Amino acid sequence: MQTFYFHLNHLKEFVVDSDGSELADLAAAAGEARQVIRKIAAECLKSRRQFALLSVRISDEHDQLLYEVFVRKRWLRFLQPMF
């Protein structure tokens, strides 16, 4: 198991994950990042807040960027007109 950190890259802010999550590998971490994006999008829809997430950056314990999962443009086209 490895510890991965999921930093949220919003339009106007960057939220650092200081706790991290233990997962089997980078593929599992990328899947978790996609779940985070879905969860944030659902919360924004429910609360009628603007969806401003651009990406989730996955880093290791040395804060080295390992992978970045970008919000797909088609999601933004769907979400933005609602706000």
C-alpha atoms as a PDB file:
ATOM      1  CA  MET A   1       0.000   0.000   0.000  1.00  0.00           C
ATOM      2  CA  GLN A   2       1.138   3.529  -0.802  1.00  0.00           C
ATOM      3  CA  THR A   3      -0.041   6.856   0.527  1.00  0.00           C
ATOM      4  CA  PHE A   4      -1.468   9.193  -2.108  1.00  0.00           C
ATOM      5  CA  TYR A   5      -2.514  12.815  -1.618  1.00  0.00           C
ATOM      6  CA  PHE A   6      -5.421  14.295  -3.567  1.00  0.00           C
ATOM      7  CA  HIS A   7      -5.055  18.056  -4.018  1.00  0.00           C
ATOM      8  CA  LEU A   8      -8.089  19.885  -5.419  1.00  0.00           C
ATOM      9  CA  ASN A   9      -7.367  22.443  -8.114  1.00  0.00           C
ATOM     10  CA  HIS A  10     -10.340  24.847  -8.242  1.00  0.00           C
ATOM     11  CA  LEU A  11     -10.705  27.940 -10.431  1.00  0.00           C
ATOM     12  CA  LYS A  12      -9.742  30.333  -7.631  1.00  0.00           C
ATOM     13  CA  GLU A  13      -8.178  28.140  -4.957  1.00  0.00           C
ATOM     14  CA  PHE A  14      -5.993  25.109  -4.383  1.00  0.00           C
ATOM     15  CA  VAL A  15      -6.973  22.764  -1.553  1.00  0.00           C
ATOM     16  CA  VAL A  16      -4.148  20.634  -0.176  1.00  0.00           C
ATOM     17  CA  ASP A  17      -4.831  17.139   1.138  1.00  0.00           C
ATOM     18  CA  SER A  18      -2.652  16.829   4.233  1.00  0.00           C
ATOM     19  CA  ASP A  19      -4.017  13.424   5.311  1.00  0.00           C
ATOM     20  CA  GLY A  20      -3.657  11.277   2.224  1.00  0.00           C
ATOM     21  CA  SER A  21      -5.178   7.879   1.523  1.00  0.00           C
ATOM     22  CA  GLU A  22      -3.569   4.471   1.356  1.00  0.00           C
ATOM     23  CA  LEU A  23      -4.247   2.680  -1.897  1.00  0.00           C
ATOM     24  CA  ALA A  24      -2.732  -0.252  -3.775  1.00  0.00           C
ATOM     25  CA  ASP A  25      -1.262   1.682  -6.718  1.00  0.00           C
ATOM     26  CA  LEU A  26      -1.495   4.731  -8.955  1.00  0.00           C
ATOM     27  CA  ALA A  27      -4.323   3.212 -11.007  1.00  0.00           C
ATOM     28  CA  ALA A  28      -6.405   2.861  -7.837  1.00  0.00           C
ATOM     29  CA  ALA A  29      -5.510   6.453  -6.894  1.00  0.00           C
ATOM     30  CA  ALA A  30      -6.661   7.712 -10.318  1.00  0.00           C
ATOM     31  CA  GLY A  31      -9.957   5.873  -9.841  1.00  0.00           C
ATOM     32  CA  GLU A  32     -10.350   7.473  -6.425  1.00  0.00           C
ATOM     33  CA  ALA A  33      -9.676  10.919  -7.949  1.00  0.00           C
ATOM     34  CA  ARG A  34     -12.451  10.343 -10.507  1.00  0.00           C
ATOM     35  CA  GLN A  35     -14.791   9.410  -7.645  1.00  0.00           C
ATOM     36  CA  VAL A  36     -13.846  12.646  -5.854  1.00  0.00           C
ATOM     37  CA  ILE A  37     -14.748  14.631  -8.981  1.00  0.00           C
ATOM     38  CA  ARG A  38     -18.127  12.882  -9.231  1.00  0.00           C
ATOM     39  CA  LYS A  39     -18.846  13.469  -5.543  1.00  0.00           C
ATOM     40  CA  ILE A  40     -18.017  17.186  -5.717  1.00  0.00           C
ATOM     41  CA  ALA A  41     -20.103  17.583  -8.878  1.00  0.00           C
ATOM     42  CA  ALA A  42     -23.085  15.874  -7.207  1.00  0.00           C
ATOM     43  CA  GLU A  43     -22.750  18.068  -4.103  1.00  0.00           C
ATOM     44  CA  CYS A  44     -22.679  21.188  -6.277  1.00  0.00           C
ATOM     45  CA  LEU A  45     -25.779  20.103  -8.182  1.00  0.00           C
ATOM     46  CA  LYS A  46     -27.678  19.367  -4.975  1.00  0.00           C
ATOM     47  CA  SER A  47     -26.742  22.655  -3.328  1.00  0.00           C
ATOM     48  CA  ARG A  48     -26.943  24.681  -6.568  1.00  0.00           C
ATOM     49  CA  ARG A  49     -23.365  25.923  -6.116  1.00  0.00           C
ATOM     50  CA  GLN A  50     -21.012  26.627  -8.982  1.00  0.00           C
ATOM     51  CA  PHE A  51     -18.822  23.691  -9.971  1.00  0.00           C
ATOM     52  CA  ALA A  52     -15.323  25.173 -10.150  1.00  0.00           C
ATOM     53  CA  LEU A  53     -13.092  22.115  -9.905  1.00  0.00           C
ATOM     54  CA  LEU A  54     -10.523  21.914 -12.699  1.00  0.00           C
ATOM     55  CA  SER A  55      -8.568  18.841 -11.649  1.00  0.00           C
ATOM     56  CA  VAL A  56      -7.436  16.557  -8.860  1.00  0.00           C
ATOM     57  CA  ARG A  57      -3.664  16.326  -8.514  1.00  0.00           C
ATOM     58  CA  ILE A  58      -2.299  13.094  -7.096  1.00  0.00           C
ATOM     59  CA  SER A  59       0.988  13.416  -5.213  1.00  0.00           C
ATOM     60  CA  ASP A  60       3.206  11.127  -3.176  1.00  0.00           C
ATOM     61  CA  GLU A  61       4.499  11.627   0.373  1.00  0.00           C
ATOM     62  CA  HIS A  62       7.281  13.884  -0.985  1.00  0.00           C
ATOM     63  CA  ASP A  63       4.674  16.102  -2.685  1.00  0.00           C
ATOM     64  CA  GLN A  64       5.839  14.958  -6.106  1.00  0.00           C
ATOM     65  CA  LEU A  65       3.072  15.160  -8.689  1.00  0.00           C
ATOM     66  CA  LEU A  66       2.374  11.635  -9.933  1.00  0.00           C
ATOM     67  CA  TYR A  67      -0.745  12.142 -12.001  1.00  0.00           C
ATOM     68  CA  GLU A  68      -3.475  14.690 -12.620  1.00  0.00           C
ATOM     69  CA  VAL A  69      -7.106  13.845 -13.366  1.00  0.00           C
ATOM     70  CA  PHE A  70      -8.769  16.676 -15.256  1.00  0.00           C
ATOM     71  CA  VAL A  71     -12.475  17.438 -15.201  1.00  0.00           C
ATOM     72  CA  ARG A  72     -13.756  16.584 -18.636  1.00  0.00           C
ATOM     73  CA  LYS A  73     -14.963  19.460 -20.757  1.00  0.00           C
ATOM     74  CA  ARG A  74     -18.245  17.694 -21.422  1.00  0.00           C
ATOM     75  CA  TRP A  75     -18.955  17.717 -17.655  1.00  0.00           C
ATOM     76  CA  LEU A  76     -18.326  21.454 -17.540  1.00  0.00           C
ATOM     77  CA  ARG A  77     -20.700  22.081 -20.450  1.00  0.00           C
ATOM     78  CA  PHE A  78     -23.359  20.152 -18.566  1.00  0.00           C
ATOM     79  CA  LEU A  79     -22.790  21.753 -15.148  1.00  0.00           C
ATOM     80  CA  GLN A  80     -22.008  25.414 -15.890  1.00  0.00           C
ATOM     81  CA  PRO A  81     -25.340  26.449 -17.507  1.00  0.00           C
ATOM     82  CA  MET A  82     -27.148  25.374 -14.350  1.00  0.00           C
ATOM     83  CA  PHE A  83     -25.588  28.167 -12.272  1.00  0.00           C
END
